[in-house]
């Protein structure tokens, strides 16, 4: 059983290098009540690719969620607020 849902959308852009990428993560319950971590990524403006991980425990999904977030932040991805990218 999921105690709360997690959603994150981050972007990495660099006009000089023609980089415009997005990465989205979410943790939601599946039909069996287990945790599903959905990863979506690609070029901004496209549907991108999707990968879904299934976990018996929410804790395991959260651990992967936080590890992926740490990796992406290290590669220059930042949150987006009202069409403006925020690093931090």
C-alpha atoms as a PDB file:
ATOM      1  CA  UNK A   1       0.000   0.000   0.000  1.00  0.00           C
ATOM      2  CA  UNK A   2       1.313   3.427  -0.959  1.00  0.00           C
ATOM      3  CA  UNK A   3       1.206   6.046   1.813  1.00  0.00           C
ATOM      4  CA  UNK A   4       1.724   8.967  -0.557  1.00  0.00           C
ATOM      5  CA  UNK A   5       2.346   9.611  -4.244  1.00  0.00           C
ATOM      6  CA  UNK A   6       5.581  11.084  -5.528  1.00  0.00           C
ATOM      7  CA  UNK A   7       5.874  13.188  -8.691  1.00  0.00           C
ATOM      8  CA  UNK A   8       8.899  15.017 -10.078  1.00  0.00           C
ATOM      9  CA  UNK A   9       9.600  16.771 -13.389  1.00  0.00           C
ATOM     10  CA  UNK A  10      13.068  18.185 -14.129  1.00  0.00           C
ATOM     11  CA  UNK A  11      14.773  19.566 -17.223  1.00  0.00           C
ATOM     12  CA  UNK A  12      18.240  20.135 -18.579  1.00  0.00           C
ATOM     13  CA  UNK A  13      18.673  22.796 -21.234  1.00  0.00           C
ATOM     14  CA  UNK A  14      21.673  24.385 -22.923  1.00  0.00           C
ATOM     15  CA  UNK A  15      20.998  26.413 -26.059  1.00  0.00           C
ATOM     16  CA  UNK A  16      24.659  26.513 -27.084  1.00  0.00           C
ATOM     17  CA  UNK A  17      24.837  22.704 -27.106  1.00  0.00           C
ATOM     18  CA  UNK A  18      21.256  22.225 -28.395  1.00  0.00           C
ATOM     19  CA  UNK A  19      20.315  20.299 -25.246  1.00  0.00           C
ATOM     20  CA  UNK A  20      16.636  20.272 -24.270  1.00  0.00           C
ATOM     21  CA  UNK A  21      15.882  17.196 -22.161  1.00  0.00           C
ATOM     22  CA  UNK A  22      13.281  16.286 -19.580  1.00  0.00           C
ATOM     23  CA  UNK A  23      13.102  13.587 -16.928  1.00  0.00           C
ATOM     24  CA  UNK A  24       9.969  12.694 -14.969  1.00  0.00           C
ATOM     25  CA  UNK A  25       9.585  10.324 -12.023  1.00  0.00           C
ATOM     26  CA  UNK A  26       6.481   9.176 -10.193  1.00  0.00           C
ATOM     27  CA  UNK A  27       5.581   6.534  -7.619  1.00  0.00           C
ATOM     28  CA  UNK A  28       2.006   5.299  -7.671  1.00  0.00           C
ATOM     29  CA  UNK A  29       0.180   2.122  -6.669  1.00  0.00           C
ATOM     30  CA  UNK A  30      -0.420  -0.546  -9.295  1.00  0.00           C
ATOM     31  CA  UNK A  31      -3.520  -2.757  -9.505  1.00  0.00           C
ATOM     32  CA  UNK A  32      -2.113  -5.081  -6.847  1.00  0.00           C
ATOM     33  CA  UNK A  33      -1.421  -2.303  -4.328  1.00  0.00           C
ATOM     34  CA  UNK A  34       2.329  -2.482  -4.861  1.00  0.00           C
ATOM     35  CA  UNK A  35       4.538   0.519  -5.633  1.00  0.00           C
ATOM     36  CA  UNK A  36       5.335   1.303  -9.263  1.00  0.00           C
ATOM     37  CA  UNK A  37       8.104   3.772 -10.088  1.00  0.00           C
ATOM     38  CA  UNK A  38       7.571   5.229 -13.557  1.00  0.00           C
ATOM     39  CA  UNK A  39      10.479   6.935 -15.324  1.00  0.00           C
ATOM     40  CA  UNK A  40       9.849   9.084 -18.404  1.00  0.00           C
ATOM     41  CA  UNK A  41      12.585  10.889 -20.316  1.00  0.00           C
ATOM     42  CA  UNK A  42      13.399  12.411 -23.675  1.00  0.00           C
ATOM     43  CA  UNK A  43      13.719  15.620 -25.637  1.00  0.00           C
ATOM     44  CA  UNK A  44      11.407  18.408 -24.492  1.00  0.00           C
ATOM     45  CA  UNK A  45       8.341  18.483 -26.735  1.00  0.00           C
ATOM     46  CA  UNK A  46       8.351  14.738 -27.454  1.00  0.00           C
ATOM     47  CA  UNK A  47       6.574  11.842 -25.754  1.00  0.00           C
ATOM     48  CA  UNK A  48       9.929  10.362 -24.766  1.00  0.00           C
ATOM     49  CA  UNK A  49      10.515   6.881 -23.440  1.00  0.00           C
ATOM     50  CA  UNK A  50       8.927   5.130 -20.462  1.00  0.00           C
ATOM     51  CA  UNK A  51      10.262   2.530 -18.049  1.00  0.00           C
ATOM     52  CA  UNK A  52       8.265   1.135 -15.117  1.00  0.00           C
ATOM     53  CA  UNK A  53       9.788  -0.588 -12.066  1.00  0.00           C
ATOM     54  CA  UNK A  54       7.572  -2.627  -9.720  1.00  0.00           C
ATOM     55  CA  UNK A  55       8.297  -3.011  -5.995  1.00  0.00           C
ATOM     56  CA  UNK A  56       6.629  -4.915  -3.195  1.00  0.00           C
ATOM     57  CA  UNK A  57       7.564  -2.178  -0.710  1.00  0.00           C
ATOM     58  CA  UNK A  58       7.139   1.572  -1.130  1.00  0.00           C
ATOM     59  CA  UNK A  59      10.459   2.111   0.666  1.00  0.00           C
ATOM     60  CA  UNK A  60      12.382   0.366  -2.130  1.00  0.00           C
ATOM     61  CA  UNK A  61      10.699   2.548  -4.761  1.00  0.00           C
ATOM     62  CA  UNK A  62      11.551   5.693  -2.789  1.00  0.00           C
ATOM     63  CA  UNK A  63      15.207   4.639  -2.494  1.00  0.00           C
ATOM     64  CA  UNK A  64      15.467   4.299  -6.297  1.00  0.00           C
ATOM     65  CA  UNK A  65      13.503   7.556  -6.798  1.00  0.00           C
ATOM     66  CA  UNK A  66      15.981   9.482  -4.625  1.00  0.00           C
ATOM     67  CA  UNK A  67      19.020   7.827  -6.220  1.00  0.00           C
ATOM     68  CA  UNK A  68      17.818   8.705  -9.736  1.00  0.00           C
ATOM     69  CA  UNK A  69      17.097  12.264  -8.608  1.00  0.00           C
ATOM     70  CA  UNK A  70      20.614  12.570  -7.159  1.00  0.00           C
ATOM     71  CA  UNK A  71      22.136  11.314 -10.428  1.00  0.00           C
ATOM     72  CA  UNK A  72      20.100  13.680 -12.594  1.00  0.00           C
ATOM     73  CA  UNK A  73      20.814  16.713 -10.384  1.00  0.00           C
ATOM     74  CA  UNK A  74      24.511  15.864 -10.696  1.00  0.00           C
ATOM     75  CA  UNK A  75      24.154  15.977 -14.484  1.00  0.00           C
ATOM     76  CA  UNK A  76      22.637  19.456 -14.468  1.00  0.00           C
ATOM     77  CA  UNK A  77      18.895  18.793 -14.360  1.00  0.00           C
ATOM     78  CA  UNK A  78      16.787  21.289 -12.411  1.00  0.00           C
ATOM     79  CA  UNK A  79      13.165  21.835 -11.452  1.00  0.00           C
ATOM     80  CA  UNK A  80      10.913  23.981 -13.607  1.00  0.00           C
ATOM     81  CA  UNK A  81       8.602  26.673 -12.216  1.00  0.00           C
ATOM     82  CA  UNK A  82       6.317  28.601 -14.585  1.00  0.00           C
ATOM     83  CA  UNK A  83       8.484  27.943 -17.625  1.00  0.00           C
ATOM     84  CA  UNK A  84      11.686  28.940 -15.818  1.00  0.00           C
ATOM     85  CA  UNK A  85      14.351  26.456 -14.846  1.00  0.00           C
ATOM     86  CA  UNK A  86      15.583  26.592 -11.252  1.00  0.00           C
ATOM     87  CA  UNK A  87      18.905  25.049 -10.213  1.00  0.00           C
ATOM     88  CA  UNK A  88      19.548  24.059  -6.674  1.00  0.00           C
END
